[in-house]
Each structure stands twice: as C-alpha cells, then as structure tokens.
C-alpha atoms as a PDB file:
ATOM      1  CA  UNK A   1     -40.471  44.176  48.305  1.00  0.00           C
ATOM      2  CA  UNK A   2     -39.337  47.757  48.904  1.00  0.00           C
ATOM      3  CA  UNK A   3     -35.697  46.792  48.267  1.00  0.00           C
ATOM      4  CA  UNK A   4     -36.685  45.079  45.038  1.00  0.00           C
ATOM      5  CA  UNK A   5     -38.505  48.147  43.754  1.00  0.00           C
ATOM      6  CA  UNK A   6     -35.551  50.349  44.763  1.00  0.00           C
ATOM      7  CA  UNK A   7     -33.195  48.097  42.808  1.00  0.00           C
ATOM      8  CA  UNK A   8     -35.554  48.118  39.832  1.00  0.00           C
ATOM      9  CA  UNK A   9     -35.697  51.921  39.853  1.00  0.00           C
ATOM     10  CA  UNK A  10     -31.899  52.128  40.057  1.00  0.00           C
ATOM     11  CA  UNK A  11     -31.519  49.827  37.055  1.00  0.00           C
ATOM     12  CA  UNK A  12     -34.062  51.765  35.012  1.00  0.00           C
ATOM     13  CA  UNK A  13     -32.414  55.056  35.951  1.00  0.00           C
ATOM     14  CA  UNK A  14     -29.045  53.770  34.771  1.00  0.00           C
ATOM     15  CA  UNK A  15     -30.524  52.716  31.453  1.00  0.00           C
ATOM     16  CA  UNK A  16     -32.143  56.119  30.934  1.00  0.00           C
ATOM     17  CA  UNK A  17     -28.853  57.913  31.536  1.00  0.00           C
ATOM     18  CA  UNK A  18     -27.037  55.751  28.951  1.00  0.00           C
ATOM     19  CA  UNK A  19     -24.048  55.684  31.280  1.00  0.00           C
ATOM     20  CA  UNK A  20     -20.628  55.071  29.757  1.00  0.00           C
ATOM     21  CA  UNK A  21     -17.869  54.073  32.184  1.00  0.00           C
ATOM     22  CA  UNK A  22     -14.763  56.221  32.266  1.00  0.00           C
ATOM     23  CA  UNK A  23     -12.645  53.436  33.760  1.00  0.00           C
ATOM     24  CA  UNK A  24     -12.659  49.825  34.868  1.00  0.00           C
ATOM     25  CA  UNK A  25     -12.664  51.075  38.459  1.00  0.00           C
ATOM     26  CA  UNK A  26     -15.922  52.927  37.829  1.00  0.00           C
ATOM     27  CA  UNK A  27     -17.469  49.724  36.480  1.00  0.00           C
ATOM     28  CA  UNK A  28     -16.295  47.859  39.587  1.00  0.00           C
ATOM     29  CA  UNK A  29     -17.713  50.529  41.894  1.00  0.00           C
ATOM     30  CA  UNK A  30     -21.171  50.309  40.302  1.00  0.00           C
ATOM     31  CA  UNK A  31     -21.144  46.509  40.324  1.00  0.00           C
ATOM     32  CA  UNK A  32     -20.320  46.483  44.040  1.00  0.00           C
ATOM     33  CA  UNK A  33     -23.233  48.802  44.813  1.00  0.00           C
ATOM     34  CA  UNK A  34     -25.619  46.715  42.696  1.00  0.00           C
ATOM     35  CA  UNK A  35     -24.426  43.519  44.407  1.00  0.00           C
ATOM     36  CA  UNK A  36     -25.047  45.012  47.832  1.00  0.00           C
ATOM     37  CA  UNK A  37     -28.551  46.081  46.805  1.00  0.00           C
ATOM     38  CA  UNK A  38     -29.281  42.630  45.364  1.00  0.00           C
ATOM     39  CA  UNK A  39     -28.145  41.026  48.616  1.00  0.00           C
ATOM     40  CA  UNK A  40     -30.346  43.335  50.698  1.00  0.00           C
ATOM     41  CA  UNK A  41     -33.286  42.460  48.460  1.00  0.00           C
ATOM     42  CA  UNK A  42     -32.593  38.732  48.831  1.00  0.00           C
ATOM     43  CA  UNK A  43     -32.000  38.257  45.102  1.00  0.00           C
ATOM     44  CA  UNK A  44     -29.517  35.386  45.339  1.00  0.00           C
ATOM     45  CA  UNK A  45     -29.325  34.630  41.613  1.00  0.00           C
ATOM     46  CA  UNK A  46     -28.692  38.257  40.714  1.00  0.00           C
ATOM     47  CA  UNK A  47     -26.110  38.586  43.478  1.00  0.00           C
ATOM     48  CA  UNK A  48     -24.265  35.514  42.167  1.00  0.00           C
ATOM     49  CA  UNK A  49     -24.251  36.950  38.653  1.00  0.00           C
ATOM     50  CA  UNK A  50     -22.951  40.289  39.927  1.00  0.00           C
ATOM     51  CA  UNK A  51     -20.195  38.516  41.885  1.00  0.00           C
ATOM     52  CA  UNK A  52     -19.017  36.929  38.636  1.00  0.00           C
ATOM     53  CA  UNK A  53     -19.026  40.317  36.924  1.00  0.00           C
ATOM     54  CA  UNK A  54     -17.107  41.816  39.845  1.00  0.00           C
ATOM     55  CA  UNK A  55     -14.441  39.104  39.541  1.00  0.00           C
ATOM     56  CA  UNK A  56     -14.065  40.020  35.863  1.00  0.00           C
ATOM     57  CA  UNK A  57     -13.842  43.744  36.643  1.00  0.00           C
ATOM     58  CA  UNK A  58     -11.105  43.375  39.251  1.00  0.00           C
ATOM     59  CA  UNK A  59      -7.749  44.582  37.966  1.00  0.00           C
ATOM     60  CA  UNK A  60      -5.259  41.768  37.561  1.00  0.00           C
ATOM     61  CA  UNK A  61      -1.591  42.544  38.040  1.00  0.00           C
ATOM     62  CA  UNK A  62       0.752  39.874  36.804  1.00  0.00           C
ATOM     63  CA  UNK A  63       4.112  40.001  38.461  1.00  0.00           C
ATOM     64  CA  UNK A  64       7.426  38.676  37.289  1.00  0.00           C
ATOM     65  CA  UNK A  65       7.236  35.805  39.769  1.00  0.00           C
ATOM     66  CA  UNK A  66       9.509  37.506  42.267  1.00  0.00           C
ATOM     67  CA  UNK A  67       8.992  38.260  45.938  1.00  0.00           C
ATOM     68  CA  UNK A  68       5.886  40.461  46.377  1.00  0.00           C
ATOM     69  CA  UNK A  69       7.548  42.348  49.266  1.00  0.00           C
END
C-alpha cells in the first residue's frame, strides 16, 4: 500500500506543477519512471497502459532501407 500512496502523491504533484514537456525524450523519461513505480506497486493495468504510452513516445527513425551498419 505504501508504493500505491507514493505513486498517488507523485501523480498529484505532477498535476499541481502543470508540467509541460520540453521534448519527447523528457516525456519518455517520466513515463519510464511511472511504469517502474506502477510495477513496484503491483498495478498491472496501469503498467500495461504506461507501456503503450512508452511505445508511442519512443523515437522512430525510418531509414532508406539500406544496410544499418
């Protein structure tokens, strides 16, 4: 229960600060931290949702189809 209350406080604190991301990387960093906290708290549904958001936040580089080396 302690992990759940810690996660709840972190979420409320973020809302109070009215945080605006400076970059996509910053969004990804925060999502990764939240996912780790959700996992520690045993919040499987929230962790799954955060994983989906993390996948969206990952930068995608589309190559020209050539050799990646």
